[in-house]
C-alpha atoms as a PDB file:
ATOM      1  CA  UNK A   1       0.000   0.000   0.000  1.00  0.00           C
ATOM      2  CA  UNK A   2       1.340   3.415  -0.990  1.00  0.00           C
ATOM      3  CA  UNK A   3       0.655   6.976   0.060  1.00  0.00           C
ATOM      4  CA  UNK A   4       1.123  10.061  -2.087  1.00  0.00           C
ATOM      5  CA  UNK A   5       0.909  13.787  -1.388  1.00  0.00           C
ATOM      6  CA  UNK A   6      -1.559  15.846  -3.398  1.00  0.00           C
ATOM      7  CA  UNK A   7       0.151  19.192  -2.949  1.00  0.00           C
ATOM      8  CA  UNK A   8      -1.743  22.477  -2.707  1.00  0.00           C
ATOM      9  CA  UNK A   9      -0.692  25.103  -5.271  1.00  0.00           C
ATOM     10  CA  UNK A  10      -3.678  27.396  -4.647  1.00  0.00           C
ATOM     11  CA  UNK A  11      -3.657  30.502  -2.473  1.00  0.00           C
ATOM     12  CA  UNK A  12      -6.229  32.945  -1.190  1.00  0.00           C
ATOM     13  CA  UNK A  13      -6.447  36.483  -2.630  1.00  0.00           C
ATOM     14  CA  UNK A  14      -3.857  38.792  -1.128  1.00  0.00           C
ATOM     15  CA  UNK A  15      -1.397  36.072  -0.128  1.00  0.00           C
ATOM     16  CA  UNK A  16       2.161  36.371  -1.395  1.00  0.00           C
ATOM     17  CA  UNK A  17       2.536  33.250  -3.504  1.00  0.00           C
ATOM     18  CA  UNK A  18       6.266  33.812  -4.009  1.00  0.00           C
ATOM     19  CA  UNK A  19       6.800  33.947  -0.242  1.00  0.00           C
ATOM     20  CA  UNK A  20       5.270  30.466   0.128  1.00  0.00           C
ATOM     21  CA  UNK A  21       7.380  28.672  -2.502  1.00  0.00           C
ATOM     22  CA  UNK A  22       9.874  27.523   0.185  1.00  0.00           C
ATOM     23  CA  UNK A  23       6.930  26.025   2.072  1.00  0.00           C
ATOM     24  CA  UNK A  24       5.995  23.910  -0.951  1.00  0.00           C
ATOM     25  CA  UNK A  25       9.582  22.692  -1.116  1.00  0.00           C
ATOM     26  CA  UNK A  26       9.483  21.882   2.608  1.00  0.00           C
ATOM     27  CA  UNK A  27       6.253  19.897   2.230  1.00  0.00           C
ATOM     28  CA  UNK A  28       7.682  17.939  -0.702  1.00  0.00           C
ATOM     29  CA  UNK A  29      10.838  17.093   1.214  1.00  0.00           C
ATOM     30  CA  UNK A  30       8.868  16.166   4.318  1.00  0.00           C
ATOM     31  CA  UNK A  31       6.688  13.802   2.292  1.00  0.00           C
ATOM     32  CA  UNK A  32       9.745  12.265   0.635  1.00  0.00           C
ATOM     33  CA  UNK A  33      11.516  11.783   3.957  1.00  0.00           C
ATOM     34  CA  UNK A  34       8.354  10.304   5.503  1.00  0.00           C
ATOM     35  CA  UNK A  35       8.206   7.609   2.818  1.00  0.00           C
ATOM     36  CA  UNK A  36       5.513   9.030   0.536  1.00  0.00           C
ATOM     37  CA  UNK A  37       5.720   7.368  -2.878  1.00  0.00           C
ATOM     38  CA  UNK A  38       4.111   9.986  -5.117  1.00  0.00           C
ATOM     39  CA  UNK A  39       3.533  13.725  -5.557  1.00  0.00           C
ATOM     40  CA  UNK A  40       0.462  15.123  -7.332  1.00  0.00           C
ATOM     41  CA  UNK A  41      -0.518  18.544  -8.678  1.00  0.00           C
ATOM     42  CA  UNK A  42      -3.879  20.194  -9.493  1.00  0.00           C
ATOM     43  CA  UNK A  43      -4.662  21.882 -12.806  1.00  0.00           C
ATOM     44  CA  UNK A  44      -7.027  24.715 -13.733  1.00  0.00           C
ATOM     45  CA  UNK A  45      -7.145  27.957 -15.668  1.00  0.00           C
ATOM     46  CA  UNK A  46      -8.879  31.247 -14.826  1.00  0.00           C
ATOM     47  CA  UNK A  47      -9.373  30.582 -11.132  1.00  0.00           C
ATOM     48  CA  UNK A  48      -9.204  34.224  -9.985  1.00  0.00           C
ATOM     49  CA  UNK A  49      -9.543  35.620  -7.412  1.00  0.00           C
ATOM     50  CA  UNK A  50      -8.122  32.316  -6.119  1.00  0.00           C
ATOM     51  CA  UNK A  51      -4.440  32.356  -7.015  1.00  0.00           C
ATOM     52  CA  UNK A  52      -2.989  29.200  -8.560  1.00  0.00           C
ATOM     53  CA  UNK A  53       0.467  28.209  -9.779  1.00  0.00           C
ATOM     54  CA  UNK A  54       0.443  26.522 -13.179  1.00  0.00           C
ATOM     55  CA  UNK A  55       1.056  22.817 -13.217  1.00  0.00           C
ATOM     56  CA  UNK A  56       3.897  22.029 -15.635  1.00  0.00           C
ATOM     57  CA  UNK A  57       6.381  24.616 -14.269  1.00  0.00           C
ATOM     58  CA  UNK A  58       5.525  23.540 -10.719  1.00  0.00           C
ATOM     59  CA  UNK A  59       6.087  19.846 -11.436  1.00  0.00           C
ATOM     60  CA  UNK A  60       9.507  20.671 -12.909  1.00  0.00           C
ATOM     61  CA  UNK A  61      10.280  23.034 -10.005  1.00  0.00           C
ATOM     62  CA  UNK A  62       9.542  20.477  -7.271  1.00  0.00           C
ATOM     63  CA  UNK A  63      10.784  17.348  -9.067  1.00  0.00           C
ATOM     64  CA  UNK A  64      14.380  17.682  -7.786  1.00  0.00           C
ATOM     65  CA  UNK A  65      13.072  17.668  -4.219  1.00  0.00           C
ATOM     66  CA  UNK A  66      10.921  14.561  -4.761  1.00  0.00           C
ATOM     67  CA  UNK A  67      13.897  12.261  -5.501  1.00  0.00           C
ATOM     68  CA  UNK A  68      12.402   8.983  -6.657  1.00  0.00           C
ATOM     69  CA  UNK A  69       8.731   9.692  -5.996  1.00  0.00           C
ATOM     70  CA  UNK A  70       6.217   9.316  -8.809  1.00  0.00           C
ATOM     71  CA  UNK A  71       5.085  12.729 -10.029  1.00  0.00           C
ATOM     72  CA  UNK A  72       2.010  13.642 -12.020  1.00  0.00           C
ATOM     73  CA  UNK A  73      -1.023  15.852 -12.553  1.00  0.00           C
ATOM     74  CA  UNK A  74      -4.184  15.186 -10.620  1.00  0.00           C
ATOM     75  CA  UNK A  75      -5.606  15.907 -13.021  1.00  0.00           C
ATOM     76  CA  UNK A  76      -4.535  17.470 -16.326  1.00  0.00           C
ATOM     77  CA  UNK A  77      -7.596  18.765 -18.173  1.00  0.00           C
ATOM     78  CA  UNK A  78      -6.595  17.007 -21.369  1.00  0.00           C
ATOM     79  CA  UNK A  79      -9.398  18.138 -23.736  1.00  0.00           C
ATOM     80  CA  UNK A  80      -8.255  21.762 -23.353  1.00  0.00           C
ATOM     81  CA  UNK A  81      -4.713  20.984 -24.511  1.00  0.00           C
ATOM     82  CA  UNK A  82      -3.077  19.946 -27.742  1.00  0.00           C
ATOM     83  CA  UNK A  83      -1.939  16.319 -27.421  1.00  0.00           C
ATOM     84  CA  UNK A  84       1.353  17.044 -29.191  1.00  0.00           C
ATOM     85  CA  UNK A  85       2.225  19.583 -26.501  1.00  0.00           C
ATOM     86  CA  UNK A  86       1.160  17.158 -23.760  1.00  0.00           C
ATOM     87  CA  UNK A  87       3.194  14.334 -25.292  1.00  0.00           C
ATOM     88  CA  UNK A  88       6.289  16.547 -25.545  1.00  0.00           C
ATOM     89  CA  UNK A  89       5.995  17.958 -22.018  1.00  0.00           C
ATOM     90  CA  UNK A  90       5.252  14.517 -20.565  1.00  0.00           C
ATOM     91  CA  UNK A  91       8.344  13.067 -22.237  1.00  0.00           C
ATOM     92  CA  UNK A  92      10.451  15.893 -20.804  1.00  0.00           C
ATOM     93  CA  UNK A  93       9.022  15.376 -17.320  1.00  0.00           C
ATOM     94  CA  UNK A  94       9.622  11.637 -17.616  1.00  0.00           C
ATOM     95  CA  UNK A  95      13.272  12.361 -18.369  1.00  0.00           C
ATOM     96  CA  UNK A  96      13.530  14.899 -15.528  1.00  0.00           C
ATOM     97  CA  UNK A  97      12.061  12.415 -13.022  1.00  0.00           C
ATOM     98  CA  UNK A  98      14.077   9.416 -14.186  1.00  0.00           C
ATOM     99  CA  UNK A  99      11.046   7.609 -15.583  1.00  0.00           C
ATOM    100  CA  UNK A 100       8.772   8.373 -12.631  1.00  0.00           C
ATOM    101  CA  UNK A 101       6.206  10.534 -14.402  1.00  0.00           C
ATOM    102  CA  UNK A 102       2.514   9.536 -14.461  1.00  0.00           C
ATOM    103  CA  UNK A 103       0.111  11.364 -16.765  1.00  0.00           C
ATOM    104  CA  UNK A 104      -3.136  11.811 -14.819  1.00  0.00           C
ATOM    105  CA  UNK A 105      -5.947  13.118 -17.016  1.00  0.00           C
ATOM    106  CA  UNK A 106      -9.633  13.953 -16.930  1.00  0.00           C
ATOM    107  CA  UNK A 107     -12.406  15.634 -18.875  1.00  0.00           C
ATOM    108  CA  UNK A 108     -12.728  18.909 -16.958  1.00  0.00           C
ATOM    109  CA  UNK A 109     -16.060  20.554 -16.195  1.00  0.00           C
ATOM    110  CA  UNK A 110     -15.716  24.356 -15.974  1.00  0.00           C
ATOM    111  CA  UNK A 111     -17.467  26.138 -18.827  1.00  0.00           C
ATOM    112  CA  UNK A 112     -15.329  29.257 -18.390  1.00  0.00           C
ATOM    113  CA  UNK A 113     -12.209  27.266 -19.243  1.00  0.00           C
ATOM    114  CA  UNK A 114     -13.685  25.652 -22.342  1.00  0.00           C
ATOM    115  CA  UNK A 115     -15.097  28.974 -23.563  1.00  0.00           C
ATOM    116  CA  UNK A 116     -11.682  30.606 -23.185  1.00  0.00           C
ATOM    117  CA  UNK A 117     -10.094  27.858 -25.288  1.00  0.00           C
ATOM    118  CA  UNK A 118     -12.903  28.066 -27.869  1.00  0.00           C
ATOM    119  CA  UNK A 119     -13.961  24.490 -27.233  1.00  0.00           C
ATOM    120  CA  UNK A 120     -17.304  22.877 -26.577  1.00  0.00           C
ATOM    121  CA  UNK A 121     -17.943  20.917 -23.410  1.00  0.00           C
ATOM    122  CA  UNK A 122     -19.798  18.442 -25.629  1.00  0.00           C
ATOM    123  CA  UNK A 123     -16.521  17.557 -27.355  1.00  0.00           C
ATOM    124  CA  UNK A 124     -14.660  16.685 -24.155  1.00  0.00           C
ATOM    125  CA  UNK A 125     -14.890  12.908 -24.380  1.00  0.00           C
ATOM    126  CA  UNK A 126     -13.959  12.468 -28.066  1.00  0.00           C
ATOM    127  CA  UNK A 127     -11.115  14.974 -27.700  1.00  0.00           C
ATOM    128  CA  UNK A 128      -9.780  13.077 -24.707  1.00  0.00           C
ATOM    129  CA  UNK A 129      -9.942   9.694 -26.430  1.00  0.00           C
ATOM    130  CA  UNK A 130      -8.287  10.936 -29.613  1.00  0.00           C
ATOM    131  CA  UNK A 131      -5.612  12.724 -27.572  1.00  0.00           C
ATOM    132  CA  UNK A 132      -4.674   9.631 -25.593  1.00  0.00           C
ATOM    133  CA  UNK A 133      -4.400   7.489 -28.713  1.00  0.00           C
ATOM    134  CA  UNK A 134      -2.192  10.086 -30.424  1.00  0.00           C
ATOM    135  CA  UNK A 135      -0.013  10.678 -27.344  1.00  0.00           C
ATOM    136  CA  UNK A 136       0.738   6.982 -27.026  1.00  0.00           C
ATOM    137  CA  UNK A 137       1.675   6.754 -30.703  1.00  0.00           C
ATOM    138  CA  UNK A 138       3.966   9.775 -30.405  1.00  0.00           C
ATOM    139  CA  UNK A 139       5.725   8.221 -27.418  1.00  0.00           C
ATOM    140  CA  UNK A 140       6.325   4.870 -29.089  1.00  0.00           C
ATOM    141  CA  UNK A 141       6.552   5.302 -32.878  1.00  0.00           C
ATOM    142  CA  UNK A 142       9.463   6.744 -34.843  1.00  0.00           C
ATOM    143  CA  UNK A 143       7.198   8.668 -37.205  1.00  0.00           C
ATOM    144  CA  UNK A 144       3.492   9.362 -36.816  1.00  0.00           C
ATOM    145  CA  UNK A 145       0.840  10.284 -39.338  1.00  0.00           C
ATOM    146  CA  UNK A 146      -2.523  10.997 -37.743  1.00  0.00           C
ATOM    147  CA  UNK A 147      -5.580  12.530 -39.370  1.00  0.00           C
ATOM    148  CA  UNK A 148      -8.299  12.645 -36.761  1.00  0.00           C
ATOM    149  CA  UNK A 149     -11.436  14.601 -36.030  1.00  0.00           C
ATOM    150  CA  UNK A 150      -9.583  17.226 -33.985  1.00  0.00           C
ATOM    151  CA  UNK A 151      -5.824  16.809 -34.522  1.00  0.00           C
ATOM    152  CA  UNK A 152      -3.405  16.138 -37.364  1.00  0.00           C
ATOM    153  CA  UNK A 153       0.226  15.065 -37.446  1.00  0.00           C
ATOM    154  CA  UNK A 154       1.973  14.478 -40.779  1.00  0.00           C
ATOM    155  CA  UNK A 155       4.945  12.113 -40.782  1.00  0.00           C
ATOM    156  CA  UNK A 156       6.544  13.650 -37.687  1.00  0.00           C
ATOM    157  CA  UNK A 157       8.148  12.531 -34.441  1.00  0.00           C
ATOM    158  CA  UNK A 158       8.664  13.919 -30.962  1.00  0.00           C
ATOM    159  CA  UNK A 159      11.820  15.848 -30.185  1.00  0.00           C
ATOM    160  CA  UNK A 160      12.344  13.645 -27.114  1.00  0.00           C
ATOM    161  CA  UNK A 161      11.231  10.142 -26.204  1.00  0.00           C
ATOM    162  CA  UNK A 162      10.250   9.203 -22.640  1.00  0.00           C
ATOM    163  CA  UNK A 163      12.649   7.218 -20.466  1.00  0.00           C
ATOM    164  CA  UNK A 164      10.028   4.602 -19.667  1.00  0.00           C
ATOM    165  CA  UNK A 165       9.422   2.038 -22.392  1.00  0.00           C
ATOM    166  CA  UNK A 166       6.013   2.699 -23.916  1.00  0.00           C
ATOM    167  CA  UNK A 167       5.833   6.080 -22.237  1.00  0.00           C
ATOM    168  CA  UNK A 168       4.438   7.132 -18.864  1.00  0.00           C
ATOM    169  CA  UNK A 169       1.345   5.333 -17.567  1.00  0.00           C
ATOM    170  CA  UNK A 170      -1.909   7.219 -18.105  1.00  0.00           C
ATOM    171  CA  UNK A 171      -4.311   7.337 -15.172  1.00  0.00           C
ATOM    172  CA  UNK A 172      -7.787   8.740 -15.683  1.00  0.00           C
ATOM    173  CA  UNK A 173     -10.294  10.332 -13.318  1.00  0.00           C
ATOM    174  CA  UNK A 174     -14.041  10.071 -13.716  1.00  0.00           C
ATOM    175  CA  UNK A 175     -17.254   9.846 -11.704  1.00  0.00           C
ATOM    176  CA  UNK A 176     -19.986   9.162 -14.263  1.00  0.00           C
ATOM    177  CA  UNK A 177     -20.438   5.563 -15.383  1.00  0.00           C
ATOM    178  CA  UNK A 178     -19.279   6.180 -18.993  1.00  0.00           C
ATOM    179  CA  UNK A 179     -16.144   7.939 -17.697  1.00  0.00           C
ATOM    180  CA  UNK A 180     -15.337   5.058 -15.335  1.00  0.00           C
ATOM    181  CA  UNK A 181     -15.831   2.542 -18.136  1.00  0.00           C
ATOM    182  CA  UNK A 182     -13.621   4.670 -20.393  1.00  0.00           C
ATOM    183  CA  UNK A 183     -10.883   4.629 -17.759  1.00  0.00           C
ATOM    184  CA  UNK A 184     -11.072   0.832 -17.635  1.00  0.00           C
ATOM    185  CA  UNK A 185     -10.911   0.638 -21.421  1.00  0.00           C
ATOM    186  CA  UNK A 186      -8.116   3.062 -22.353  1.00  0.00           C
ATOM    187  CA  UNK A 187      -6.242   4.083 -19.167  1.00  0.00           C
ATOM    188  CA  UNK A 188      -3.754   2.290 -16.956  1.00  0.00           C
ATOM    189  CA  UNK A 189      -5.678   3.124 -13.768  1.00  0.00           C
ATOM    190  CA  UNK A 190      -8.856   4.850 -12.628  1.00  0.00           C
ATOM    191  CA  UNK A 191      -8.273   7.783 -10.247  1.00  0.00           C
ATOM    192  CA  UNK A 192     -11.024   8.195  -7.661  1.00  0.00           C
ATOM    193  CA  UNK A 193     -11.782  11.864  -6.953  1.00  0.00           C
ATOM    194  CA  UNK A 194     -11.854  13.218  -3.384  1.00  0.00           C
ATOM    195  CA  UNK A 195     -15.500  14.244  -3.187  1.00  0.00           C
ATOM    196  CA  UNK A 196     -17.255  10.919  -3.853  1.00  0.00           C
ATOM    197  CA  UNK A 197     -18.656   9.251  -0.746  1.00  0.00           C
ATOM    198  CA  UNK A 198     -17.752   5.728   0.261  1.00  0.00           C
ATOM    199  CA  UNK A 199     -21.366   4.652  -0.331  1.00  0.00           C
ATOM    200  CA  UNK A 200     -21.198   5.842  -3.950  1.00  0.00           C
ATOM    201  CA  UNK A 201     -17.748   4.380  -4.495  1.00  0.00           C
ATOM    202  CA  UNK A 202     -18.890   0.798  -3.976  1.00  0.00           C
ATOM    203  CA  UNK A 203     -21.078   0.703  -7.122  1.00  0.00           C
ATOM    204  CA  UNK A 204     -18.495   2.751  -9.048  1.00  0.00           C
ATOM    205  CA  UNK A 205     -15.726   0.285  -8.214  1.00  0.00           C
ATOM    206  CA  UNK A 206     -17.934  -2.622  -9.308  1.00  0.00           C
ATOM    207  CA  UNK A 207     -18.543  -0.795 -12.605  1.00  0.00           C
ATOM    208  CA  UNK A 208     -14.812  -0.294 -13.050  1.00  0.00           C
ATOM    209  CA  UNK A 209     -13.815  -3.854 -12.265  1.00  0.00           C
ATOM    210  CA  UNK A 210     -16.475  -5.225 -14.612  1.00  0.00           C
ATOM    211  CA  UNK A 211     -15.332  -2.926 -17.415  1.00  0.00           C
ATOM    212  CA  UNK A 212     -11.704  -4.028 -16.995  1.00  0.00           C
ATOM    213  CA  UNK A 213     -12.765  -7.326 -18.555  1.00  0.00           C
ATOM    214  CA  UNK A 214      -9.770  -9.190 -17.209  1.00  0.00           C
ATOM    215  CA  UNK A 215      -7.204  -6.415 -17.647  1.00  0.00           C
ATOM    216  CA  UNK A 216      -4.967  -5.638 -14.664  1.00  0.00           C
ATOM    217  CA  UNK A 217      -4.573  -1.921 -13.869  1.00  0.00           C
ATOM    218  CA  UNK A 218      -1.381  -0.349 -12.515  1.00  0.00           C
ATOM    219  CA  UNK A 219      -3.054   0.133  -9.155  1.00  0.00           C
ATOM    220  CA  UNK A 220      -6.262   1.276  -7.487  1.00  0.00           C
ATOM    221  CA  UNK A 221      -5.560   4.918  -6.582  1.00  0.00           C
ATOM    222  CA  UNK A 222      -7.832   7.286  -4.692  1.00  0.00           C
ATOM    223  CA  UNK A 223      -7.644  10.942  -3.671  1.00  0.00           C
ATOM    224  CA  UNK A 224      -8.909  11.901  -0.217  1.00  0.00           C
ATOM    225  CA  UNK A 225      -8.863  15.121   1.745  1.00  0.00           C
ATOM    226  CA  UNK A 226      -6.841  14.118   4.808  1.00  0.00           C
ATOM    227  CA  UNK A 227      -5.805  15.913   7.944  1.00  0.00           C
ATOM    228  CA  UNK A 228      -4.006  14.107  10.748  1.00  0.00           C
ATOM    229  CA  UNK A 229      -4.189  16.225  13.862  1.00  0.00           C
ATOM    230  CA  UNK A 230      -2.237  15.836  17.054  1.00  0.00           C
ATOM    231  CA  UNK A 231      -5.612  15.531  18.783  1.00  0.00           C
ATOM    232  CA  UNK A 232      -8.763  13.921  17.408  1.00  0.00           C
ATOM    233  CA  UNK A 233     -10.820  16.431  19.355  1.00  0.00           C
ATOM    234  CA  UNK A 234      -9.280  19.477  17.633  1.00  0.00           C
ATOM    235  CA  UNK A 235      -8.475  18.091  14.146  1.00  0.00           C
ATOM    236  CA  UNK A 236     -11.794  19.088  12.584  1.00  0.00           C
ATOM    237  CA  UNK A 237     -11.656  22.637  13.882  1.00  0.00           C
ATOM    238  CA  UNK A 238      -8.078  23.126  12.699  1.00  0.00           C
ATOM    239  CA  UNK A 239      -8.863  22.406   9.044  1.00  0.00           C
ATOM    240  CA  UNK A 240     -12.581  23.237   8.865  1.00  0.00           C
ATOM    241  CA  UNK A 241     -12.312  26.802   7.493  1.00  0.00           C
ATOM    242  CA  UNK A 242      -9.750  25.926   4.816  1.00  0.00           C
ATOM    243  CA  UNK A 243     -11.664  22.897   3.570  1.00  0.00           C
ATOM    244  CA  UNK A 244     -14.943  24.809   3.552  1.00  0.00           C
ATOM    245  CA  UNK A 245     -13.259  27.577   1.521  1.00  0.00           C
ATOM    246  CA  UNK A 246     -12.005  24.993  -0.975  1.00  0.00           C
ATOM    247  CA  UNK A 247     -15.379  23.343  -1.449  1.00  0.00           C
ATOM    248  CA  UNK A 248     -17.197  26.679  -1.639  1.00  0.00           C
ATOM    249  CA  UNK A 249     -14.852  27.451  -4.534  1.00  0.00           C
ATOM    250  CA  UNK A 250     -15.841  24.160  -6.187  1.00  0.00           C
ATOM    251  CA  UNK A 251     -19.490  25.111  -5.803  1.00  0.00           C
ATOM    252  CA  UNK A 252     -18.922  28.568  -7.305  1.00  0.00           C
ATOM    253  CA  UNK A 253     -17.234  26.892 -10.286  1.00  0.00           C
ATOM    254  CA  UNK A 254     -20.416  24.941 -10.951  1.00  0.00           C
ATOM    255  CA  UNK A 255     -19.295  21.463  -9.983  1.00  0.00           C
ATOM    256  CA  UNK A 256     -22.444  19.654  -8.883  1.00  0.00           C
ATOM    257  CA  UNK A 257     -22.684  17.837  -5.600  1.00  0.00           C
ATOM    258  CA  UNK A 258     -20.214  20.076  -3.771  1.00  0.00           C
ATOM    259  CA  UNK A 259     -22.659  22.174  -1.739  1.00  0.00           C
ATOM    260  CA  UNK A 260     -23.908  20.733   1.538  1.00  0.00           C
ATOM    261  CA  UNK A 261     -25.536  22.507   4.461  1.00  0.00           C
ATOM    262  CA  UNK A 262     -22.953  21.614   7.106  1.00  0.00           C
ATOM    263  CA  UNK A 263     -19.261  20.793   7.177  1.00  0.00           C
ATOM    264  CA  UNK A 264     -19.896  17.541   9.029  1.00  0.00           C
ATOM    265  CA  UNK A 265     -22.236  16.392   6.232  1.00  0.00           C
ATOM    266  CA  UNK A 266     -19.659  17.387   3.642  1.00  0.00           C
ATOM    267  CA  UNK A 267     -16.911  15.496   5.441  1.00  0.00           C
ATOM    268  CA  UNK A 268     -18.798  12.305   6.306  1.00  0.00           C
ATOM    269  CA  UNK A 269     -17.470   9.338   4.295  1.00  0.00           C
ATOM    270  CA  UNK A 270     -15.579  11.770   2.041  1.00  0.00           C
ATOM    271  CA  UNK A 271     -12.771  13.246   4.121  1.00  0.00           C
ATOM    272  CA  UNK A 272     -10.346  11.470   6.445  1.00  0.00           C
ATOM    273  CA  UNK A 273      -9.865  13.812   9.404  1.00  0.00           C
ATOM    274  CA  UNK A 274      -8.822  12.952  12.946  1.00  0.00           C
ATOM    275  CA  UNK A 275      -5.896  11.765  15.012  1.00  0.00           C
ATOM    276  CA  UNK A 276      -3.467   9.112  13.793  1.00  0.00           C
ATOM    277  CA  UNK A 277      -5.462   6.212  15.234  1.00  0.00           C
ATOM    278  CA  UNK A 278      -8.701   7.307  13.566  1.00  0.00           C
ATOM    279  CA  UNK A 279      -7.027   8.038  10.234  1.00  0.00           C
ATOM    280  CA  UNK A 280      -5.335   4.632  10.226  1.00  0.00           C
ATOM    281  CA  UNK A 281      -8.702   2.960  10.834  1.00  0.00           C
ATOM    282  CA  UNK A 282     -10.350   4.940   8.033  1.00  0.00           C
ATOM    283  CA  UNK A 283      -7.586   4.017   5.596  1.00  0.00           C
ATOM    284  CA  UNK A 284      -8.123   0.358   6.486  1.00  0.00           C
ATOM    285  CA  UNK A 285     -11.876   0.793   5.949  1.00  0.00           C
ATOM    286  CA  UNK A 286     -11.419   2.181   2.442  1.00  0.00           C
ATOM    287  CA  UNK A 287      -8.870  -0.452   1.606  1.00  0.00           C
ATOM    288  CA  UNK A 288     -11.110  -3.288   2.753  1.00  0.00           C
ATOM    289  CA  UNK A 289     -14.241  -1.925   1.061  1.00  0.00           C
ATOM    290  CA  UNK A 290     -12.683  -0.971  -2.284  1.00  0.00           C
ATOM    291  CA  UNK A 291      -9.256  -2.571  -2.600  1.00  0.00           C
ATOM    292  CA  UNK A 292      -7.489   0.796  -2.694  1.00  0.00           C
ATOM    293  CA  UNK A 293      -3.698   0.409  -2.695  1.00  0.00           C
ATOM    294  CA  UNK A 294      -2.514   3.956  -3.462  1.00  0.00           C
ATOM    295  CA  UNK A 295      -3.900   6.796  -1.323  1.00  0.00           C
ATOM    296  CA  UNK A 296      -3.235  10.268  -2.719  1.00  0.00           C
ATOM    297  CA  UNK A 297      -3.801  12.534   0.267  1.00  0.00           C
ATOM    298  CA  UNK A 298      -4.421  16.280   0.061  1.00  0.00           C
ATOM    299  CA  UNK A 299      -3.343  17.657   3.438  1.00  0.00           C
ATOM    300  CA  UNK A 300      -3.337  21.386   2.679  1.00  0.00           C
ATOM    301  CA  UNK A 301      -5.929  23.824   1.357  1.00  0.00           C
ATOM    302  CA  UNK A 302      -5.998  27.605   0.812  1.00  0.00           C
ATOM    303  CA  UNK A 303      -6.017  29.325   4.182  1.00  0.00           C
ATOM    304  CA  UNK A 304      -4.565  26.481   6.278  1.00  0.00           C
ATOM    305  CA  UNK A 305      -1.297  27.422   7.990  1.00  0.00           C
ATOM    306  CA  UNK A 306       1.679  25.688   6.416  1.00  0.00           C
ATOM    307  CA  UNK A 307       2.942  24.531   9.805  1.00  0.00           C
ATOM    308  CA  UNK A 308      -0.293  22.644  10.453  1.00  0.00           C
ATOM    309  CA  UNK A 309      -0.194  21.042   7.009  1.00  0.00           C
ATOM    310  CA  UNK A 310       3.427  20.056   7.523  1.00  0.00           C
ATOM    311  CA  UNK A 311       2.585  18.434  10.846  1.00  0.00           C
ATOM    312  CA  UNK A 312      -0.267  16.512   9.225  1.00  0.00           C
ATOM    313  CA  UNK A 313       2.043  15.260   6.476  1.00  0.00           C
ATOM    314  CA  UNK A 314       4.600  14.003   8.988  1.00  0.00           C
ATOM    315  CA  UNK A 315       1.968  12.247  11.128  1.00  0.00           C
ATOM    316  CA  UNK A 316       0.443  10.657   8.021  1.00  0.00           C
ATOM    317  CA  UNK A 317       3.856   9.343   7.032  1.00  0.00           C
ATOM    318  CA  UNK A 318       4.175   7.637  10.409  1.00  0.00           C
ATOM    319  CA  UNK A 319       0.921   5.748   9.728  1.00  0.00           C
ATOM    320  CA  UNK A 320       2.302   4.319   6.490  1.00  0.00           C
ATOM    321  CA  UNK A 321       5.804   3.692   7.851  1.00  0.00           C
END
């Protein structure tokens, strides 16, 4: 069983982002030293007034401090991007990380982003499928000719091949049944998003396993919001405001199912918050119910003090030690 850190690269309005770059380095190093196996980064455009560092420069910036950890986006909004660019950048990141890059992708959902890129939300799925097929060809073939619905390549090759044979693994997020089935069909793993309750995940996992049709995925990864407090009694109160701010932002972006009347209702069977004993028991519960073997934990959200997040990361590492 592995644990990864889903690092926070978002900041509240008025914060000095540059002043907090050393804190991101410190969190990465703390996770590495605590035995975390992976490091994950969020991706969005046009998030103002919420400030957000862009994903590809940040992955390259923190990669030297990760030293052997898997690194990847969680998730890259692939339909918004040209697959040639993604293939090239992914190959570079695979070289920079010594073959430890994982390309995590998803459809995206924010209309403002698709409007800005002059793309239709209705084209998300076919764009994603065509992109993945083309990216894999670019990683593995000497010369590629592709004439698709959205993209064309004429007898050309990448300027750099990935270190890993066949290219980085592609993991795919999704919550709707067609998206989960798509992940089983064309991705190397299905990434479970942090906001789906345990009750909903049972049927979703059965859908995924059935759609695998005998194929064996890389792993069974899941993202959870996780805060390990020194005291179970105070853990909720320490992270409540920051998590509420984060999920209010989701709601304002139009992502359905994110608004709930009370923080306790929002957190129940979604978030893993408590002292080390409680968190360890919750991890075991998810593992037993779903077969999860790679937990990608987000321990920091806009507004939470870095020192508290750092303490949570260290305590979480002790659970997995």
